[in-house]
Amino acid sequence: MDKAMDTEIILETNFPGLKLVKRGKVRDVYEIGKYFLIVSTDRLSAFDVIMSQGIPNKGKVLTKISEFWFNKTKNIVRNHLITTIVDEYPEECQKYKAQLEGRSMIVKKAKVIPIECIVRGYISGTGWNDYQKTGKISGIKLPQGLRESEKLPEPVFTPSTKAEIGEHDENISFDKAEKIIDKETLKEVKKASLDVYNAASNYAKGKGIIIADTKMEFGLIDGELILVDELLTPDSSRFWPEHTYKAGEIQQSYDKQFVRNYLLSINFNKQPPPPLLPEEIIQKTSEKYLEVLYKLTGEEIT
């Protein structure tokens, strides 16, 4: 897949005439009248630090996978997606069609709920770290003797704070989350998160992929809960190949855990500035993203 390395990498968009409202870790968001235009760049964030190099095709993979899951789960909870077809975008977007093609979406505006909604079906990452120290994740007591990457008796909802760029998300208890958003909304968010995870997890299992955990974001439009941002992508989830899965160790993955593992191997201090990633790491990460897109959706990026 060497051709991936010849692909144009977009680290940042600048569209004169369009109103930029936010540049996130990966996405550039523009206001287009009553809608938002979300552009997924090829930026990669690991440990909440944005790497200085991009991953070929990453933004396109994120967009295609999000669109796939938004369509697949809209019967569970509605979402903000309007279209990813650039010809259907407002006129002022058309001059930027080449850059928008395949990596953007027009979405409804929503009032974003200020917590990260994490569902864990397996114990890994910060959840594993917390469990080792306390036997709990986000205040939820778990069985004793769990091994790293082990499947949990049932998926758990473990909210976290929404960190700004350069800061780290922090796992919080349900009680603490109630101090950020109201109790009824939080109960609705928890149910929707678990329902979406269970449906997606069952589907992915049939494709040979374990969704170990995932992070979702929700918003409100006229009081109705909707999914926003991205959904069940390699950036927001841990995807493990089922055929190599083995509890008690770090898993092979289709997601950016590959980059995280490299950064851990060089003792990266998880603070800016980021180190340069070797070309091999960049290429393998691109291949992982393209592979999981194909396995989940049957689609390829040409």
Protein backbone atom coordinates (compact mmCIF):
# COMPACT_ATOMS: atom_id res chain seq x y z
CA MET A 1 0.00 0.00 0.00
CA ASP A 2 2.86 2.35 -0.80
CA LYS A 3 0.50 4.48 -2.87
CA ALA A 4 -0.89 5.74 0.47
CA MET A 5 2.34 7.62 0.96
CA ASP A 6 1.76 9.51 -2.31
CA THR A 7 -1.69 10.65 -1.17
CA GLU A 8 -2.08 14.34 -0.41
CA ILE A 9 -2.02 14.84 3.34
CA ILE A 10 -4.21 17.64 4.68
CA LEU A 11 -3.10 18.86 8.09
CA GLU A 12 -5.18 22.03 8.11
CA THR A 13 -7.85 23.68 6.00
CA ASN A 14 -8.20 27.37 5.26
CA PHE A 15 -11.28 28.35 3.28
CA PRO A 16 -11.54 32.13 2.71
CA GLY A 17 -15.18 33.16 2.80
CA LEU A 18 -16.19 30.37 5.19
CA LYS A 19 -16.41 31.08 8.91
CA LEU A 20 -14.04 28.85 10.90
CA VAL A 21 -15.54 28.29 14.36
CA LYS A 22 -13.26 25.59 15.75
CA ARG A 23 -10.04 23.78 14.97
CA GLY A 24 -10.07 20.61 17.06
CA LYS A 25 -7.52 17.85 17.45
CA VAL A 26 -8.53 16.39 14.09
CA ARG A 27 -11.51 18.31 12.72
CA ASP A 28 -11.90 21.83 11.35
CA VAL A 29 -15.45 23.12 11.85
CA TYR A 30 -17.01 25.91 9.78
CA GLU A 31 -20.35 27.62 10.21
CA ILE A 32 -22.47 27.55 7.04
CA GLY A 33 -25.71 29.37 7.82
CA LYS A 34 -27.82 27.12 10.04
CA TYR A 35 -25.43 24.17 9.57
CA PHE A 36 -21.87 23.21 10.41
CA LEU A 37 -19.35 21.93 7.87
CA ILE A 38 -17.04 19.41 9.54
CA VAL A 39 -13.80 18.60 7.75
CA SER A 40 -11.77 15.62 8.94
CA THR A 41 -8.08 16.35 8.38
CA ASP A 42 -5.26 13.83 8.45
CA ARG A 43 -4.02 15.13 11.81
CA LEU A 44 -3.43 12.51 14.46
CA SER A 45 -3.74 13.08 18.20
CA ALA A 46 -2.20 10.65 20.68
CA PHE A 47 -2.31 11.16 24.45
CA ASP A 48 -4.11 14.43 23.59
CA VAL A 49 -1.03 15.72 21.76
CA ILE A 50 -1.34 16.51 18.05
CA MET A 51 1.43 14.89 16.03
CA SER A 52 3.25 17.15 13.58
CA GLN A 53 2.83 14.66 10.72
CA GLY A 54 -0.39 13.46 9.16
CA ILE A 55 -1.59 9.95 8.34
CA PRO A 56 -2.44 9.39 4.64
CA ASN A 57 -6.19 8.91 4.00
CA LYS A 58 -7.03 9.18 7.70
CA GLY A 59 -9.60 11.95 7.36
CA LYS A 60 -11.40 10.09 4.58
CA VAL A 61 -11.49 6.89 6.64
CA LEU A 62 -12.92 8.71 9.65
CA THR A 63 -15.62 10.32 7.52
CA LYS A 64 -16.64 7.10 5.75
CA ILE A 65 -16.75 5.06 8.97
CA SER A 66 -18.71 7.74 10.85
CA GLU A 67 -21.21 7.98 8.00
CA PHE A 68 -21.56 4.18 8.00
CA TRP A 69 -22.29 4.02 11.73
CA PHE A 70 -24.55 7.09 11.75
CA ASN A 71 -26.72 5.40 9.13
CA LYS A 72 -26.60 2.04 10.90
CA THR A 73 -27.58 3.36 14.35
CA LYS A 74 -30.08 6.11 13.50
CA ASN A 75 -32.92 3.80 14.57
CA ILE A 76 -31.37 3.72 18.08
CA VAL A 77 -30.65 7.44 18.44
CA ARG A 78 -30.79 10.22 15.88
CA ASN A 79 -27.62 12.00 14.77
CA HIS A 80 -26.46 15.27 13.26
CA LEU A 81 -25.52 14.02 9.77
CA ILE A 82 -27.24 15.71 6.82
CA THR A 83 -24.99 14.77 3.87
CA THR A 84 -21.44 13.91 2.82
CA ILE A 85 -22.15 14.56 -0.88
CA VAL A 86 -20.28 17.76 -1.71
CA ASP A 87 -22.56 18.54 -4.70
CA GLU A 88 -25.38 18.91 -2.14
CA TYR A 89 -23.42 21.40 -0.01
CA PRO A 90 -24.28 25.13 -0.02
CA GLU A 91 -22.93 27.12 -2.96
CA GLU A 92 -20.15 28.80 -0.95
CA CYS A 93 -18.52 25.39 -0.34
CA GLN A 94 -18.28 24.39 -4.00
CA LYS A 95 -15.02 26.19 -4.78
CA TYR A 96 -13.34 23.98 -2.15
CA LYS A 97 -14.80 20.75 -3.52
CA ALA A 98 -11.41 19.10 -4.18
CA GLN A 99 -10.38 19.38 -0.54
CA LEU A 100 -13.83 18.58 0.86
CA GLU A 101 -14.45 15.48 -1.27
CA GLY A 102 -14.54 12.33 0.87
CA ARG A 103 -13.49 13.97 4.13
CA SER A 104 -16.33 16.28 5.10
CA MET A 105 -19.96 16.38 6.16
CA ILE A 106 -22.71 18.94 6.56
CA VAL A 107 -24.37 18.52 9.95
CA LYS A 108 -27.08 20.04 12.12
CA LYS A 109 -26.04 22.45 14.84
CA ALA A 110 -26.53 21.09 18.33
CA LYS A 111 -25.79 22.20 21.86
CA VAL A 112 -22.98 19.79 22.74
CA ILE A 113 -23.19 17.95 26.07
CA PRO A 114 -19.90 18.67 27.87
CA ILE A 115 -18.80 15.12 28.74
CA GLU A 116 -17.18 12.30 26.79
CA CYS A 117 -19.46 9.26 26.77
CA ILE A 118 -17.23 6.19 26.95
CA VAL A 119 -18.42 2.60 26.82
CA ARG A 120 -16.00 -0.18 27.68
CA GLY A 121 -16.63 -3.81 26.81
CA TYR A 122 -13.04 -4.82 27.59
CA ILE A 123 -10.56 -3.41 30.08
CA SER A 124 -7.71 -1.48 28.50
CA GLY A 125 -6.03 1.92 28.39
CA THR A 126 -6.83 4.39 31.19
CA GLY A 127 -9.56 2.03 32.39
CA TRP A 128 -6.96 -0.67 32.99
CA ASN A 129 -4.70 1.85 34.75
CA ASP A 130 -7.53 2.96 37.05
CA TYR A 131 -8.57 -0.63 37.76
CA GLN A 132 -5.05 -1.61 38.78
CA LYS A 133 -4.96 1.23 41.30
CA THR A 134 -8.50 1.09 42.69
CA GLY A 135 -10.33 -1.97 41.38
CA LYS A 136 -12.77 0.49 39.80
CA ILE A 137 -13.33 2.52 36.62
CA SER A 138 -15.22 5.80 36.99
CA GLY A 139 -16.36 4.68 40.44
CA ILE A 140 -17.76 1.37 39.12
CA LYS A 141 -16.43 -1.58 41.15
CA LEU A 142 -15.29 -4.41 38.88
CA PRO A 143 -14.60 -8.08 39.66
CA GLN A 144 -11.21 -8.86 41.21
CA GLY A 145 -8.50 -10.53 39.17
CA LEU A 146 -9.28 -9.12 35.75
CA ARG A 147 -6.39 -9.25 33.30
CA GLU A 148 -5.42 -6.53 30.85
CA SER A 149 -7.68 -6.58 27.75
CA GLU A 150 -10.11 -9.01 29.40
CA LYS A 151 -13.78 -8.89 28.44
CA LEU A 152 -15.93 -7.32 31.15
CA PRO A 153 -18.98 -9.22 32.47
CA GLU A 154 -21.05 -6.56 30.70
CA PRO A 155 -20.22 -3.25 29.01
CA VAL A 156 -19.89 -0.28 31.37
CA PHE A 157 -20.57 3.42 30.81
CA THR A 158 -17.60 5.43 32.09
CA PRO A 159 -17.89 9.16 31.39
CA SER A 160 -14.91 11.46 31.28
CA THR A 161 -14.25 15.18 31.17
CA LYS A 162 -13.83 16.89 27.78
CA ALA A 163 -10.25 18.11 27.72
CA GLU A 164 -9.05 21.09 25.75
CA ILE A 165 -6.23 20.56 23.24
CA GLY A 166 -3.03 19.70 25.10
CA GLU A 167 -4.90 18.56 28.21
CA HIS A 168 -5.97 15.05 29.18
CA ASP A 169 -9.48 13.66 29.59
CA GLU A 170 -10.18 12.49 33.13
CA ASN A 171 -12.41 9.51 33.97
CA ILE A 172 -15.19 10.64 36.32
CA SER A 173 -17.91 8.90 38.30
CA PHE A 174 -21.59 8.97 37.37
CA ASP A 175 -22.19 11.19 40.42
CA LYS A 176 -19.57 13.68 39.28
CA ALA A 177 -21.03 13.65 35.75
CA GLU A 178 -24.41 14.60 37.31
CA LYS A 179 -22.80 17.82 38.50
CA ILE A 180 -21.94 18.67 34.86
CA ILE A 181 -25.24 17.72 33.20
CA ASP A 182 -28.68 17.05 34.65
CA LYS A 183 -29.62 13.60 35.92
CA GLU A 184 -32.30 12.81 33.34
CA THR A 185 -30.10 13.77 30.39
CA LEU A 186 -27.25 11.71 31.81
CA LYS A 187 -29.51 8.65 32.16
CA GLU A 188 -30.63 9.11 28.56
CA VAL A 189 -27.02 9.51 27.39
CA LYS A 190 -25.95 6.37 29.26
CA LYS A 191 -28.72 4.25 27.74
CA ALA A 192 -28.09 5.55 24.22
CA SER A 193 -24.32 5.00 24.56
CA LEU A 194 -24.74 1.40 25.73
CA ASP A 195 -27.39 0.63 23.08
CA VAL A 196 -25.20 1.99 20.27
CA TYR A 197 -22.12 0.16 21.57
CA ASN A 198 -23.96 -3.17 21.89
CA ALA A 199 -25.42 -2.95 18.38
CA ALA A 200 -22.08 -1.92 16.84
CA SER A 201 -20.13 -4.49 18.83
CA ASN A 202 -22.39 -7.32 17.66
CA TYR A 203 -22.11 -6.18 14.04
CA ALA A 204 -18.32 -5.80 14.19
CA LYS A 205 -17.92 -9.23 15.81
CA GLY A 206 -19.47 -10.70 12.67
CA LYS A 207 -16.69 -8.99 10.69
CA GLY A 208 -13.94 -10.40 12.91
CA ILE A 209 -13.42 -7.17 14.88
CA ILE A 210 -13.68 -6.62 18.62
CA ILE A 211 -14.72 -3.11 19.65
CA ALA A 212 -12.97 -2.97 23.01
CA ASP A 213 -14.23 0.48 23.87
CA THR A 214 -15.49 3.64 22.23
CA LYS A 215 -16.07 7.30 22.94
CA MET A 216 -19.20 9.11 21.80
CA GLU A 217 -20.39 12.69 21.95
CA PHE A 218 -23.97 13.84 22.21
CA GLY A 219 -25.80 17.11 21.75
CA LEU A 220 -29.30 18.49 22.10
CA ILE A 221 -31.50 20.01 19.41
CA ASP A 222 -34.76 21.40 20.80
CA GLY A 223 -34.34 19.12 23.81
CA GLU A 224 -33.84 15.97 21.71
CA LEU A 225 -30.70 13.91 22.26
CA ILE A 226 -28.61 13.30 19.13
CA LEU A 227 -25.20 11.83 18.35
CA VAL A 228 -22.65 14.37 17.13
CA ASP A 229 -19.00 14.60 16.08
CA GLU A 230 -17.67 11.21 14.90
CA LEU A 231 -18.90 7.70 15.64
CA LEU A 232 -17.07 4.43 16.22
CA THR A 233 -13.96 5.36 14.26
CA PRO A 234 -10.37 4.17 14.77
CA ASP A 235 -9.78 7.54 16.50
CA SER A 236 -12.59 7.20 19.01
CA SER A 237 -12.48 3.43 19.56
CA ARG A 238 -10.16 0.50 20.14
CA PHE A 239 -10.62 -2.05 17.35
CA TRP A 240 -8.91 -5.43 17.86
CA PRO A 241 -8.67 -8.31 15.37
CA GLU A 242 -10.69 -11.16 16.88
CA HIS A 243 -8.40 -13.87 15.50
CA THR A 244 -5.37 -12.61 17.47
CA TYR A 245 -7.21 -11.63 20.66
CA LYS A 246 -5.77 -13.00 23.88
CA ALA A 247 -6.63 -11.68 27.35
CA GLY A 248 -3.73 -10.73 29.61
CA GLU A 249 -1.69 -8.69 27.15
CA ILE A 250 -1.72 -5.61 24.94
CA GLN A 251 -3.63 -6.39 21.74
CA GLN A 252 -2.86 -5.86 18.10
CA SER A 253 -5.16 -3.12 16.86
CA TYR A 254 -6.64 -1.41 13.82
CA ASP A 255 -6.61 1.99 15.46
CA LYS A 256 -4.19 4.65 16.63
CA GLN A 257 -3.13 2.42 19.53
CA PHE A 258 -0.37 1.46 17.10
CA VAL A 259 0.99 5.02 17.38
CA ARG A 260 0.39 5.11 21.14
CA ASN A 261 2.41 1.91 21.57
CA TYR A 262 5.28 3.39 19.58
CA LEU A 263 5.22 6.58 21.67
CA LEU A 264 5.23 4.52 24.87
CA SER A 265 8.19 2.52 23.57
CA ILE A 266 10.24 5.73 23.27
CA ASN A 267 9.03 6.99 26.68
CA PHE A 268 7.16 9.96 25.23
CA ASN A 269 6.20 12.26 28.10
CA LYS A 270 2.70 12.91 26.67
CA GLN A 271 3.35 16.63 26.41
CA PRO A 272 3.94 18.87 23.37
CA PRO A 273 6.02 19.06 21.31
CA PRO A 274 5.51 15.62 19.76
CA PRO A 275 8.38 13.52 18.47
CA LEU A 276 8.71 12.82 14.75
CA LEU A 277 7.08 9.54 13.78
CA PRO A 278 9.14 7.19 11.58
CA GLU A 279 7.77 6.74 8.04
CA GLU A 280 7.17 3.06 8.81
CA ILE A 281 4.86 3.96 11.71
CA ILE A 282 2.97 6.46 9.54
CA GLN A 283 2.52 3.97 6.70
CA LYS A 284 1.48 1.08 8.95
CA THR A 285 -1.02 3.33 10.72
CA SER A 286 -2.53 4.37 7.39
CA GLU A 287 -2.79 0.72 6.40
CA LYS A 288 -4.56 -0.10 9.70
CA TYR A 289 -7.15 2.63 9.10
CA LEU A 290 -7.79 1.49 5.52
CA GLU A 291 -8.02 -2.14 6.60
CA VAL A 292 -10.63 -1.52 9.29
CA LEU A 293 -12.67 0.60 6.87
CA TYR A 294 -12.75 -2.29 4.41
CA LYS A 295 -13.49 -4.93 7.05
CA LEU A 296 -16.38 -2.97 8.55
CA THR A 297 -17.94 -1.45 5.44
CA GLY A 298 -16.53 -3.22 2.39
CA GLU A 299 -15.43 0.20 1.08
CA GLU A 300 -12.01 1.18 -0.20
CA ILE A 301 -10.43 4.57 -0.78
CA THR A 302 -8.98 4.77 -4.27
